Protein backbone atom coordinates (compact mmCIF):
# COMPACT_ATOMS: atom_id res chain seq x y z
CA MET A 1 -6.60 43.78 -18.77
CA ASP A 2 -6.15 40.70 -16.51
CA MET A 3 -9.35 40.03 -14.57
CA THR A 4 -7.91 37.11 -12.53
CA PRO A 5 -8.72 37.55 -8.83
CA PRO A 6 -5.69 38.12 -6.59
CA LYS A 7 -4.20 35.07 -4.89
CA ARG A 8 -4.88 34.66 -1.18
CA ALA A 9 -2.35 33.15 1.24
CA ARG A 10 -4.39 29.96 1.59
CA ASP A 11 -4.17 29.41 -2.17
CA PHE A 12 -0.46 28.64 -1.82
CA HIS A 13 -0.63 25.95 0.87
CA GLY A 14 0.00 22.31 0.10
CA THR A 15 -0.94 19.16 1.94
CA HIS A 16 -0.74 19.23 5.74
CA ALA A 17 -0.09 16.06 7.74
CA ALA A 18 -2.66 15.39 10.44
CA GLY A 19 -1.50 15.27 14.05
CA PRO A 20 -0.95 11.88 15.68
CA ARG A 21 -4.11 9.90 16.37
CA GLN A 22 -4.55 6.89 18.61
CA PRO A 23 -3.75 4.15 17.92
CA SER A 24 -0.87 5.02 15.64
CA GLN A 25 2.26 3.41 14.32
CA LEU A 26 5.63 4.67 15.55
CA VAL A 27 8.08 5.17 12.71
CA GLU A 28 11.72 4.26 13.30
CA TRP A 29 13.31 7.58 12.24
CA SER A 30 17.06 7.46 11.57
CA PRO A 31 19.70 9.99 10.49
CA PRO A 32 20.09 10.14 6.71
CA ALA A 33 22.68 7.77 5.27
CA PRO A 34 24.50 8.55 2.01
CA ARG A 35 23.14 5.58 0.06
CA THR A 36 22.83 7.18 -3.37
CA ASP A 37 23.69 10.43 -5.11
CA ARG A 38 20.18 10.97 -6.55
CA ILE A 39 16.94 11.19 -4.60
CA ARG A 40 13.63 12.15 -6.17
CA VAL A 41 10.95 13.80 -4.04
CA ARG A 42 7.61 12.32 -5.18
CA ASP A 43 5.34 14.24 -2.80
CA HIS A 44 5.68 16.60 0.15
CA THR A 45 3.74 18.37 2.85
CA CYS A 46 3.41 22.12 3.17
CA SER A 47 6.43 23.90 4.65
CA CYS A 48 4.31 26.21 6.83
CA ARG A 49 4.01 23.54 9.58
CA PHE A 50 6.63 21.36 11.18
CA PRO A 51 7.52 18.65 10.94
CA THR A 52 7.49 18.58 7.15
CA TYR A 53 7.54 15.30 5.29
CA GLU A 54 8.74 14.24 1.84
CA LEU A 55 7.99 10.97 0.09
CA CYS A 56 11.26 10.12 -1.64
CA THR A 57 12.48 7.45 -4.01
CA ALA A 58 16.00 6.32 -4.89
CA ALA A 59 17.76 3.18 -6.03
CA GLY A 60 14.50 1.29 -6.51
CA LEU A 61 13.27 1.94 -2.96
CA SER A 62 11.20 4.65 -1.28
CA PHE A 63 11.25 6.32 2.11
CA VAL A 64 9.83 9.30 4.00
CA ARG A 65 12.12 12.15 4.97
CA ARG A 66 11.12 14.26 7.99
CA THR A 67 12.41 17.75 8.81
CA THR A 68 11.70 19.27 12.23
CA SER A 69 11.51 22.95 13.17
CA ASP A 70 15.16 22.93 14.26
CA LYS A 71 16.08 21.62 10.75
CA THR A 72 16.90 18.10 11.96
CA ILE A 73 16.44 15.67 9.07
CA THR A 74 15.59 12.01 9.62
CA GLU A 75 14.43 9.20 7.36
CA SER A 76 12.05 6.28 7.68
CA PRO A 77 13.32 2.84 6.75
CA TRP A 78 13.83 2.40 2.99
CA LEU A 79 10.98 0.24 1.72
CA PRO A 80 9.51 -1.17 -1.48
CA SER A 81 7.43 1.54 -3.15
CA ARG A 82 4.04 0.10 -2.18
CA GLU A 83 4.96 -0.13 1.52
CA ALA A 84 6.42 3.39 1.52
CA GLN A 85 3.23 4.73 -0.12
CA GLN A 86 1.18 3.05 2.63
CA LEU A 87 3.42 4.63 5.28
CA TRP A 88 3.06 8.01 3.55
CA GLN A 89 -0.73 7.76 3.69
CA LYS A 90 -0.60 6.80 7.36
CA ILE A 91 1.58 9.84 8.13
CA LEU A 92 -0.76 12.16 6.24
CA HIS A 93 -3.76 10.80 8.16
CA GLY A 94 -2.09 10.87 11.59
CA GLN A 95 -1.89 7.09 11.84
CA ALA A 96 1.92 7.04 11.91
CA TRP A 97 4.45 9.49 13.32
C-alpha cells in the first residue's frame, strides 16, 4: 500500500517573479521575430500568475519571453547568455520588468 501523503496544490507551483520594485530596469519588450526554428526554454515561471516568463536560448544567444494574461507574447533583446541570465535574475527579483 502506498503511504505517500497526497499532493497539495502548493506542491505543484513553480517559481514566481516578484512584482516591480524601485528602482528597476525597464526591459525593451518586442514582438517575437522568427529568427530560428528551434528555441530551448531553460527556465520558466509558474503559469498561475501573469505575466509568465521563460528564459530561452537559440542560435547561441539567450532572451526572456513574456506572456501576458491576454496571451500577448513579447521578447527581451537577444543577449549573450551571461547577460540574459543576469536579466532573468533581475526579473525574478522584481528589479526589471
